[in-house]
């Protein structure tokens, strides 16, 4: 992949629930959740996004929570980012930096 890409989600049914999954390429972070005409849709009509925006991180980045951080990066704070999936808390993104 290039330095910034849109990656389709895979929608799987596990224990009678649909979950979104997609293996991130090594070294990449998720910077947002989007709707892409190139990707398949969820069976759940309430799920309107079907892809992740991914990119190679710079020295300091805000990335979506809940995804693995690349080797050599640490989380230094929490934020809200409108492009990231909504969570039960007020924050849904991490501020990360290279070690």
PDB file of N, CA and C in Angstrom:
ATOM      1  N   UNK A   1       0.823  -1.215   0.000  1.00  0.00           N
ATOM      2  CA  UNK A   1       0.000   0.000   0.000  1.00  0.00           C
ATOM      3  C   UNK A   1       0.858   1.266   0.000  1.00  0.00           C
ATOM      4  N   UNK A   2       0.227   2.362  -0.403  1.00  0.00           N
ATOM      5  CA  UNK A   2       0.907   3.656  -0.374  1.00  0.00           C
ATOM      6  C   UNK A   2       0.929   4.225   1.029  1.00  0.00           C
ATOM      7  N   UNK A   3       1.347   5.478   1.172  1.00  0.00           N
ATOM      8  CA  UNK A   3       1.449   6.075   2.505  1.00  0.00           C
ATOM      9  C   UNK A   3       0.084   6.352   3.115  1.00  0.00           C
ATOM     10  N   UNK A   4      -0.953   6.443   2.287  1.00  0.00           N
ATOM     11  CA  UNK A   4      -2.323   6.661   2.754  1.00  0.00           C
ATOM     12  C   UNK A   4      -3.268   5.899   1.825  1.00  0.00           C
ATOM     13  N   UNK A   5      -4.171   5.111   2.390  1.00  0.00           N
ATOM     14  CA  UNK A   5      -5.052   4.251   1.595  1.00  0.00           C
ATOM     15  C   UNK A   5      -6.438   4.152   2.238  1.00  0.00           C
ATOM     16  N   UNK A   6      -7.409   3.680   1.454  1.00  0.00           N
ATOM     17  CA  UNK A   6      -8.712   3.281   1.972  1.00  0.00           C
ATOM     18  C   UNK A   6      -8.764   1.760   1.888  1.00  0.00           C
ATOM     19  N   UNK A   7      -9.066   1.114   3.020  1.00  0.00           N
ATOM     20  CA  UNK A   7      -9.057  -0.342   3.098  1.00  0.00           C
ATOM     21  C   UNK A   7     -10.454  -0.840   3.461  1.00  0.00           C
ATOM     22  N   UNK A   8     -11.016  -1.725   2.647  1.00  0.00           N
ATOM     23  CA  UNK A   8     -12.360  -2.256   2.897  1.00  0.00           C
ATOM     24  C   UNK A   8     -12.414  -3.049   4.201  1.00  0.00           C
ATOM     25  N   UNK A   9     -13.535  -2.911   4.909  1.00  0.00           N
ATOM     26  CA  UNK A   9     -13.799  -3.741   6.084  1.00  0.00           C
ATOM     27  C   UNK A   9     -14.368  -5.074   5.598  1.00  0.00           C
ATOM     28  N   UNK A  10     -14.146  -6.109   6.373  1.00  0.00           N
ATOM     29  CA  UNK A  10     -14.809  -7.395   6.139  1.00  0.00           C
ATOM     30  C   UNK A  10     -15.870  -7.522   7.231  1.00  0.00           C
ATOM     31  N   UNK A  11     -17.086  -7.824   6.856  1.00  0.00           N
ATOM     32  CA  UNK A  11     -18.159  -7.988   7.842  1.00  0.00           C
ATOM     33  C   UNK A  11     -18.360  -9.471   8.100  1.00  0.00           C
ATOM     34  N   UNK A  12     -18.127  -9.892   9.324  1.00  0.00           N
ATOM     35  CA  UNK A  12     -18.218 -11.294   9.719  1.00  0.00           C
ATOM     36  C   UNK A  12     -19.315 -11.460  10.764  1.00  0.00           C
ATOM     37  N   UNK A  13     -19.936 -12.622  10.779  1.00  0.00           N
ATOM     38  CA  UNK A  13     -20.914 -12.932  11.824  1.00  0.00           C
ATOM     39  C   UNK A  13     -20.236 -13.861  12.818  1.00  0.00           C
ATOM     40  N   UNK A  14     -20.206 -13.417  14.084  1.00  0.00           N
ATOM     41  CA  UNK A  14     -19.575 -14.176  15.157  1.00  0.00           C
ATOM     42  C   UNK A  14     -20.493 -14.137  16.366  1.00  0.00           C
ATOM     43  N   UNK A  15     -20.891 -15.296  16.846  1.00  0.00           N
ATOM     44  CA  UNK A  15     -21.825 -15.416  17.979  1.00  0.00           C
ATOM     45  C   UNK A  15     -23.097 -14.602  17.722  1.00  0.00           C
ATOM     46  N   UNK A  16     -23.660 -14.758  16.532  1.00  0.00           N
ATOM     47  CA  UNK A  16     -24.902 -14.099  16.112  1.00  0.00           C
ATOM     48  C   UNK A  16     -24.816 -12.576  16.039  1.00  0.00           C
ATOM     49  N   UNK A  17     -23.609 -12.035  15.986  1.00  0.00           N
ATOM     50  CA  UNK A  17     -23.436 -10.587  15.847  1.00  0.00           C
ATOM     51  C   UNK A  17     -22.509 -10.316  14.670  1.00  0.00           C
ATOM     52  N   UNK A  18     -22.841  -9.296  13.916  1.00  0.00           N
ATOM     53  CA  UNK A  18     -21.963  -8.898  12.825  1.00  0.00           C
ATOM     54  C   UNK A  18     -20.856  -7.995  13.379  1.00  0.00           C
ATOM     55  N   UNK A  19     -19.627  -8.291  13.020  1.00  0.00           N
ATOM     56  CA  UNK A  19     -18.493  -7.473  13.443  1.00  0.00           C
ATOM     57  C   UNK A  19     -17.669  -7.110  12.205  1.00  0.00           C
ATOM     58  N   UNK A  20     -17.064  -5.939  12.267  1.00  0.00           N
ATOM     59  CA  UNK A  20     -16.200  -5.493  11.172  1.00  0.00           C
ATOM     60  C   UNK A  20     -14.775  -5.912  11.491  1.00  0.00           C
ATOM     61  N   UNK A  21     -14.086  -6.407  10.495  1.00  0.00           N
ATOM     62  CA  UNK A  21     -12.707  -6.841  10.683  1.00  0.00           C
ATOM     63  C   UNK A  21     -11.909  -6.565   9.421  1.00  0.00           C
ATOM     64  N   UNK A  22     -10.635  -6.367   9.602  1.00  0.00           N
ATOM     65  CA  UNK A  22      -9.730  -6.228   8.467  1.00  0.00           C
ATOM     66  C   UNK A  22      -8.315  -6.208   9.031  1.00  0.00           C
ATOM     67  N   UNK A  23      -7.440  -7.029   8.495  1.00  0.00           N
ATOM     68  CA  UNK A  23      -6.059  -7.003   8.990  1.00  0.00           C
ATOM     69  C   UNK A  23      -5.328  -5.758   8.491  1.00  0.00           C
ATOM     70  N   UNK A  24      -4.762  -5.001   9.406  1.00  0.00           N
ATOM     71  CA  UNK A  24      -3.999  -3.812   9.021  1.00  0.00           C
ATOM     72  C   UNK A  24      -2.628  -4.217   8.498  1.00  0.00           C
ATOM     73  N   UNK A  25      -2.184  -3.580   7.426  1.00  0.00           N
ATOM     74  CA  UNK A  25      -0.810  -3.831   7.006  1.00  0.00           C
ATOM     75  C   UNK A  25       0.155  -3.388   8.115  1.00  0.00           C
ATOM     76  N   UNK A  26       1.246  -4.090   8.254  1.00  0.00           N
ATOM     77  CA  UNK A  26       2.213  -3.774   9.308  1.00  0.00           C
ATOM     78  C   UNK A  26       2.700  -2.336   9.186  1.00  0.00           C
ATOM     79  N   UNK A  27       2.713  -1.639  10.322  1.00  0.00           N
ATOM     80  CA  UNK A  27       3.209  -0.270  10.372  1.00  0.00           C
ATOM     81  C   UNK A  27       2.161   0.803  10.144  1.00  0.00           C
ATOM     82  N   UNK A  28       0.925   0.420   9.800  1.00  0.00           N
ATOM     83  CA  UNK A  28      -0.131   1.388   9.501  1.00  0.00           C
ATOM     84  C   UNK A  28      -1.018   1.650  10.720  1.00  0.00           C
ATOM     85  N   UNK A  29      -1.691   2.816  10.700  1.00  0.00           N
ATOM     86  CA  UNK A  29      -2.669   3.182  11.724  1.00  0.00           C
ATOM     87  C   UNK A  29      -3.998   3.492  11.039  1.00  0.00           C
ATOM     88  N   UNK A  30      -5.085   3.397  11.797  1.00  0.00           N
ATOM     89  CA  UNK A  30      -6.411   3.760  11.289  1.00  0.00           C
ATOM     90  C   UNK A  30      -6.669   5.216  11.657  1.00  0.00           C
ATOM     91  N   UNK A  31      -6.946   6.043  10.644  1.00  0.00           N
ATOM     92  CA  UNK A  31      -7.172   7.466  10.880  1.00  0.00           C
ATOM     93  C   UNK A  31      -8.627   7.869  10.676  1.00  0.00           C
ATOM     94  N   UNK A  32      -9.488   6.925  10.287  1.00  0.00           N
ATOM     95  CA  UNK A  32     -10.892   7.255  10.114  1.00  0.00           C
ATOM     96  C   UNK A  32     -11.689   6.097   9.556  1.00  0.00           C
ATOM     97  N   UNK A  33     -12.982   6.267   9.600  1.00  0.00           N
ATOM     98  CA  UNK A  33     -13.949   5.286   9.112  1.00  0.00           C
ATOM     99  C   UNK A  33     -14.767   5.990   8.039  1.00  0.00           C
ATOM    100  N   UNK A  34     -14.889   5.397   6.845  1.00  0.00           N
ATOM    101  CA  UNK A  34     -15.531   6.072   5.717  1.00  0.00           C
ATOM    102  C   UNK A  34     -16.440   5.122   4.947  1.00  0.00           C
ATOM    103  N   UNK A  35     -17.198   5.688   4.017  1.00  0.00           N
ATOM    104  CA  UNK A  35     -18.034   4.940   3.079  1.00  0.00           C
ATOM    105  C   UNK A  35     -17.320   4.947   1.736  1.00  0.00           C
ATOM    106  N   UNK A  36     -17.058   3.757   1.184  1.00  0.00           N
ATOM    107  CA  UNK A  36     -16.383   3.658  -0.104  1.00  0.00           C
ATOM    108  C   UNK A  36     -17.254   2.881  -1.096  1.00  0.00           C
ATOM    109  N   UNK A  37     -17.435   3.410  -2.308  1.00  0.00           N
ATOM    110  CA  UNK A  37     -18.214   2.681  -3.313  1.00  0.00           C
ATOM    111  C   UNK A  37     -17.515   1.396  -3.777  1.00  0.00           C
ATOM    112  N   UNK A  38     -16.223   1.266  -3.506  1.00  0.00           N
ATOM    113  CA  UNK A  38     -15.471   0.081  -3.925  1.00  0.00           C
ATOM    114  C   UNK A  38     -15.618  -1.088  -2.951  1.00  0.00           C
ATOM    115  N   UNK A  39     -16.247  -0.856  -1.789  1.00  0.00           N
ATOM    116  CA  UNK A  39     -16.329  -1.887  -0.744  1.00  0.00           C
ATOM    117  C   UNK A  39     -17.757  -2.385  -0.561  1.00  0.00           C
ATOM    118  N   UNK A  40     -17.881  -3.624  -0.087  1.00  0.00           N
ATOM    119  CA  UNK A  40     -19.189  -4.195   0.207  1.00  0.00           C
ATOM    120  C   UNK A  40     -19.800  -3.556   1.451  1.00  0.00           C
ATOM    121  N   UNK A  41     -21.108  -3.658   1.579  1.00  0.00           N
ATOM    122  CA  UNK A  41     -21.820  -3.056   2.704  1.00  0.00           C
ATOM    123  C   UNK A  41     -22.167  -4.083   3.765  1.00  0.00           C
ATOM    124  N   UNK A  42     -22.417  -3.583   4.953  1.00  0.00           N
ATOM    125  CA  UNK A  42     -22.877  -4.406   6.067  1.00  0.00           C
ATOM    126  C   UNK A  42     -24.315  -4.846   5.809  1.00  0.00           C
ATOM    127  N   UNK A  43     -24.692  -5.985   6.378  1.00  0.00           N
ATOM    128  CA  UNK A  43     -26.087  -6.421   6.316  1.00  0.00           C
ATOM    129  C   UNK A  43     -26.956  -5.586   7.256  1.00  0.00           C
ATOM    130  N   UNK A  44     -26.348  -4.896   8.191  1.00  0.00           N
ATOM    131  CA  UNK A  44     -27.052  -4.053   9.151  1.00  0.00           C
ATOM    132  C   UNK A  44     -27.225  -2.657   8.536  1.00  0.00           C
ATOM    133  N   UNK A  45     -28.450  -2.210   8.278  1.00  0.00           N
ATOM    134  CA  UNK A  45     -28.654  -0.901   7.635  1.00  0.00           C
ATOM    135  C   UNK A  45     -28.195   0.279   8.492  1.00  0.00           C
ATOM    136  N   UNK A  46     -28.006   0.064   9.792  1.00  0.00           N
ATOM    137  CA  UNK A  46     -27.524   1.144  10.664  1.00  0.00           C
ATOM    138  C   UNK A  46     -26.026   1.394  10.502  1.00  0.00           C
ATOM    139  N   UNK A  47     -25.314   0.435   9.918  1.00  0.00           N
ATOM    140  CA  UNK A  47     -23.874   0.585   9.689  1.00  0.00           C
ATOM    141  C   UNK A  47     -23.683   1.223   8.319  1.00  0.00           C
ATOM    142  N   UNK A  48     -23.292   2.490   8.304  1.00  0.00           N
ATOM    143  CA  UNK A  48     -23.203   3.235   7.041  1.00  0.00           C
ATOM    144  C   UNK A  48     -21.786   3.313   6.481  1.00  0.00           C
ATOM    145  N   UNK A  49     -20.778   2.943   7.266  1.00  0.00           N
ATOM    146  CA  UNK A  49     -19.407   2.974   6.772  1.00  0.00           C
ATOM    147  C   UNK A  49     -18.958   1.555   6.431  1.00  0.00           C
ATOM    148  N   UNK A  50     -18.038   1.454   5.488  1.00  0.00           N
ATOM    149  CA  UNK A  50     -17.604   0.123   5.061  1.00  0.00           C
ATOM    150  C   UNK A  50     -16.100   0.033   4.801  1.00  0.00           C
ATOM    151  N   UNK A  51     -15.360   1.058   5.230  1.00  0.00           N
ATOM    152  CA  UNK A  51     -13.923   1.064   4.977  1.00  0.00           C
ATOM    153  C   UNK A  51     -13.190   1.855   6.054  1.00  0.00           C
ATOM    154  N   UNK A  52     -11.898   1.567   6.176  1.00  0.00           N
ATOM    155  CA  UNK A  52     -11.018   2.308   7.082  1.00  0.00           C
ATOM    156  C   UNK A  52     -10.077   3.166   6.254  1.00  0.00           C
ATOM    157  N   UNK A  53      -9.819   4.388   6.709  1.00  0.00           N
ATOM    158  CA  UNK A  53      -8.718   5.177   6.161  1.00  0.00           C
ATOM    159  C   UNK A  53      -7.487   4.773   6.958  1.00  0.00           C
ATOM    160  N   UNK A  54      -6.438   4.352   6.276  1.00  0.00           N
ATOM    161  CA  UNK A  54      -5.214   3.944   6.953  1.00  0.00           C
ATOM    162  C   UNK A  54      -4.052   4.760   6.406  1.00  0.00           C
ATOM    163  N   UNK A  55      -3.001   4.889   7.217  1.00  0.00           N
ATOM    164  CA  UNK A  55      -1.816   5.609   6.748  1.00  0.00           C
ATOM    165  C   UNK A  55      -0.601   5.209   7.573  1.00  0.00           C
ATOM    166  N   UNK A  56       0.547   5.505   7.030  1.00  0.00           N
ATOM    167  CA  UNK A  56       1.783   5.354   7.782  1.00  0.00           C
ATOM    168  C   UNK A  56       1.898   6.559   8.702  1.00  0.00           C
ATOM    169  N   UNK A  57       2.130   6.347   9.987  1.00  0.00           N
ATOM    170  CA  UNK A  57       2.162   7.485  10.906  1.00  0.00           C
ATOM    171  C   UNK A  57       3.443   8.302  10.791  1.00  0.00           C
ATOM    172  N   UNK A  58       3.301   9.592  11.083  1.00  0.00           N
ATOM    173  CA  UNK A  58       4.458  10.479  11.183  1.00  0.00           C
ATOM    174  C   UNK A  58       4.969  10.472  12.621  1.00  0.00           C
ATOM    175  N   UNK A  59       5.780  11.454  12.989  1.00  0.00           N
ATOM    176  CA  UNK A  59       6.340  11.490  14.343  1.00  0.00           C
ATOM    177  C   UNK A  59       5.275  11.624  15.437  1.00  0.00           C
ATOM    178  N   UNK A  60       4.156  12.288  15.122  1.00  0.00           N
ATOM    179  CA  UNK A  60       3.054  12.478  16.068  1.00  0.00           C
ATOM    180  C   UNK A  60       1.750  12.437  15.282  1.00  0.00           C
ATOM    181  N   UNK A  61       0.774  11.681  15.758  1.00  0.00           N
ATOM    182  CA  UNK A  61      -0.480  11.492  15.012  1.00  0.00           C
ATOM    183  C   UNK A  61      -1.657  11.328  15.973  1.00  0.00           C
ATOM    184  N   UNK A  62      -2.859  11.612  15.476  1.00  0.00           N
ATOM    185  CA  UNK A  62      -4.089  11.247  16.169  1.00  0.00           C
ATOM    186  C   UNK A  62      -4.694  10.106  15.366  1.00  0.00           C
ATOM    187  N   UNK A  63      -4.940   8.970  16.033  1.00  0.00           N
ATOM    188  CA  UNK A  63      -5.408   7.758  15.355  1.00  0.00           C
ATOM    189  C   UNK A  63      -6.614   7.192  16.099  1.00  0.00           C
ATOM    190  N   UNK A  64      -7.405   6.386  15.408  1.00  0.00           N
ATOM    191  CA  UNK A  64      -8.580   5.776  16.026  1.00  0.00           C
ATOM    192  C   UNK A  64      -8.170   4.775  17.111  1.00  0.00           C
ATOM    193  N   UNK A  65      -8.907   4.793  18.217  1.00  0.00           N
ATOM    194  CA  UNK A  65      -8.685   3.876  19.338  1.00  0.00           C
ATOM    195  C   UNK A  65      -9.066   2.455  18.962  1.00  0.00           C
ATOM    196  N   UNK A  66      -8.450   1.504  19.630  1.00  0.00           N
ATOM    197  CA  UNK A  66      -8.857   0.117  19.495  1.00  0.00           C
ATOM    198  C   UNK A  66      -8.117  -0.681  18.448  1.00  0.00           C
ATOM    199  N   UNK A  67      -7.171  -0.065  17.782  1.00  0.00           N
ATOM    200  CA  UNK A  67      -6.364  -0.755  16.779  1.00  0.00           C
ATOM    201  C   UNK A  67      -4.932  -0.835  17.284  1.00  0.00           C
ATOM    202  N   UNK A  68      -4.192  -1.854  16.848  1.00  0.00           N
ATOM    203  CA  UNK A  68      -2.810  -1.963  17.324  1.00  0.00           C
ATOM    204  C   UNK A  68      -1.961  -0.780  16.849  1.00  0.00           C
ATOM    205  N   UNK A  69      -1.053  -0.364  17.712  1.00  0.00           N
ATOM    206  CA  UNK A  69      -0.112   0.689  17.337  1.00  0.00           C
ATOM    207  C   UNK A  69       1.109   0.056  16.685  1.00  0.00           C
ATOM    208  N   UNK A  70       1.684   0.736  15.714  1.00  0.00           N
ATOM    209  CA  UNK A  70       2.894   0.191  15.099  1.00  0.00           C
ATOM    210  C   UNK A  70       4.045   0.120  16.111  1.00  0.00           C
ATOM    211  N   UNK A  71       4.938  -0.800  15.877  1.00  0.00           N
ATOM    212  CA  UNK A  71       6.134  -0.925  16.711  1.00  0.00           C
ATOM    213  C   UNK A  71       6.864   0.415  16.724  1.00  0.00           C
ATOM    214  N   UNK A  72       7.291   0.839  17.897  1.00  0.00           N
ATOM    215  CA  UNK A  72       8.034   2.086  18.021  1.00  0.00           C
ATOM    216  C   UNK A  72       7.179   3.295  18.332  1.00  0.00           C
ATOM    217  N   UNK A  73       5.860   3.096  18.536  1.00  0.00           N
ATOM    218  CA  UNK A  73       4.958   4.203  18.874  1.00  0.00           C
ATOM    219  C   UNK A  73       4.331   3.963  20.240  1.00  0.00           C
ATOM    220  N   UNK A  74       4.048   5.067  20.951  1.00  0.00           N
ATOM    221  CA  UNK A  74       3.391   4.996  22.248  1.00  0.00           C
ATOM    222  C   UNK A  74       2.204   5.949  22.262  1.00  0.00           C
ATOM    223  N   UNK A  75       1.197   5.609  23.060  1.00  0.00           N
ATOM    224  CA  UNK A  75       0.027   6.459  23.237  1.00  0.00           C
ATOM    225  C   UNK A  75       0.347   7.466  24.331  1.00  0.00           C
ATOM    226  N   UNK A  76       0.120   8.758  24.062  1.00  0.00           N
ATOM    227  CA  UNK A  76       0.433   9.790  25.053  1.00  0.00           C
ATOM    228  C   UNK A  76      -0.790  10.607  25.468  1.00  0.00           C
ATOM    229  N   UNK A  77      -1.953  10.319  24.899  1.00  0.00           N
ATOM    230  CA  UNK A  77      -3.161  11.045  25.271  1.00  0.00           C
ATOM    231  C   UNK A  77      -4.368  10.500  24.534  1.00  0.00           C
ATOM    232  N   UNK A  78      -5.542  10.988  24.935  1.00  0.00           N
ATOM    233  CA  UNK A  78      -6.805  10.591  24.301  1.00  0.00           C
ATOM    234  C   UNK A  78      -7.519  11.823  23.784  1.00  0.00           C
ATOM    235  N   UNK A  79      -8.255  11.660  22.711  1.00  0.00           N
ATOM    236  CA  UNK A  79      -8.971  12.763  22.064  1.00  0.00           C
ATOM    237  C   UNK A  79     -10.296  12.253  21.514  1.00  0.00           C
ATOM    238  N   UNK A  80     -11.079  13.186  20.949  1.00  0.00           N
ATOM    239  CA  UNK A  80     -12.253  12.833  20.150  1.00  0.00           C
ATOM    240  C   UNK A  80     -11.920  13.207  18.714  1.00  0.00           C
ATOM    241  N   UNK A  81     -12.181  12.294  17.784  1.00  0.00           N
ATOM    242  CA  UNK A  81     -11.974  12.539  16.361  1.00  0.00           C
ATOM    243  C   UNK A  81     -13.244  12.112  15.636  1.00  0.00           C
ATOM    244  N   UNK A  82     -13.891  13.045  14.944  1.00  0.00           N
ATOM    245  CA  UNK A  82     -15.188  12.787  14.309  1.00  0.00           C
ATOM    246  C   UNK A  82     -15.152  11.616  13.322  1.00  0.00           C
ATOM    247  N   UNK A  83     -14.013  11.353  12.690  1.00  0.00           N
ATOM    248  CA  UNK A  83     -13.914  10.271  11.682  1.00  0.00           C
ATOM    249  C   UNK A  83     -13.753   8.881  12.299  1.00  0.00           C
ATOM    250  N   UNK A  84     -13.513   8.803  13.600  1.00  0.00           N
ATOM    251  CA  UNK A  84     -13.305   7.500  14.245  1.00  0.00           C
ATOM    252  C   UNK A  84     -14.626   6.933  14.763  1.00  0.00           C
ATOM    253  N   UNK A  85     -14.704   5.599  14.911  1.00  0.00           N
ATOM    254  CA  UNK A  85     -15.933   4.992  15.439  1.00  0.00           C
ATOM    255  C   UNK A  85     -16.273   5.530  16.832  1.00  0.00           C
ATOM    256  N   UNK A  86     -17.552   5.762  17.060  1.00  0.00           N
ATOM    257  CA  UNK A  86     -18.036   6.250  18.357  1.00  0.00           C
ATOM    258  C   UNK A  86     -17.867   5.151  19.394  1.00  0.00           C
ATOM    259  N   UNK A  87     -17.463   5.542  20.589  1.00  0.00           N
ATOM    260  CA  UNK A  87     -17.274   4.601  21.696  1.00  0.00           C
ATOM    261  C   UNK A  87     -18.157   5.026  22.864  1.00  0.00           C
ATOM    262  N   UNK A  88     -18.183   4.231  23.902  1.00  0.00           N
ATOM    263  CA  UNK A  88     -19.022   4.507  25.076  1.00  0.00           C
ATOM    264  C   UNK A  88     -18.490   5.693  25.889  1.00  0.00           C
ATOM    265  N   UNK A  89     -17.241   6.095  25.660  1.00  0.00           N
ATOM    266  CA  UNK A  89     -16.659   7.222  26.395  1.00  0.00           C
ATOM    267  C   UNK A  89     -16.638   8.461  25.504  1.00  0.00           C
ATOM    268  N   UNK A  90     -16.184   9.573  26.042  1.00  0.00           N
ATOM    269  CA  UNK A  90     -16.104  10.815  25.270  1.00  0.00           C
ATOM    270  C   UNK A  90     -14.934  10.834  24.301  1.00  0.00           C
ATOM    271  N   UNK A  91     -14.022   9.878  24.450  1.00  0.00           N
ATOM    272  CA  UNK A  91     -12.855   9.852  23.566  1.00  0.00           C
ATOM    273  C   UNK A  91     -12.915   8.616  22.666  1.00  0.00           C
ATOM    274  N   UNK A  92     -12.406   8.763  21.461  1.00  0.00           N
ATOM    275  CA  UNK A  92     -12.386   7.644  20.524  1.00  0.00           C
ATOM    276  C   UNK A  92     -11.093   7.595  19.712  1.00  0.00           C
ATOM    277  N   UNK A  93     -10.118   8.394  20.130  1.00  0.00           N
ATOM    278  CA  UNK A  93      -8.845   8.461  19.393  1.00  0.00           C
ATOM    279  C   UNK A  93      -7.688   8.618  20.384  1.00  0.00           C
ATOM    280  N   UNK A  94      -6.528   8.168  19.925  1.00  0.00           N
ATOM    281  CA  UNK A  94      -5.304   8.318  20.725  1.00  0.00           C
ATOM    282  C   UNK A  94      -4.377   9.303  20.046  1.00  0.00           C
ATOM    283  N   UNK A  95      -3.674  10.066  20.838  1.00  0.00           N
ATOM    284  CA  UNK A  95      -2.551  10.851  20.369  1.00  0.00           C
ATOM    285  C   UNK A  95      -1.335   9.953  20.568  1.00  0.00           C
ATOM    286  N   UNK A  96      -0.616   9.673  19.472  1.00  0.00           N
ATOM    287  CA  UNK A  96       0.543   8.794  19.567  1.00  0.00           C
ATOM    288  C   UNK A  96       1.782   9.543  19.103  1.00  0.00           C
ATOM    289  N   UNK A  97       2.935   9.042  19.518  1.00  0.00           N
ATOM    290  CA  UNK A  97       4.196   9.599  19.041  1.00  0.00           C
ATOM    291  C   UNK A  97       5.219   8.490  18.926  1.00  0.00           C
ATOM    292  N   UNK A  98       6.209   8.740  18.091  1.00  0.00           N
ATOM    293  CA  UNK A  98       7.298   7.786  17.955  1.00  0.00           C
ATOM    294  C   UNK A  98       8.143   7.823  19.223  1.00  0.00           C
ATOM    295  N   UNK A  99       8.646   6.645  19.628  1.00  0.00           N
ATOM    296  CA  UNK A  99       9.501   6.586  20.825  1.00  0.00           C
ATOM    297  C   UNK A  99      10.817   7.298  20.578  1.00  0.00           C
TER     298      UNK A  99
END
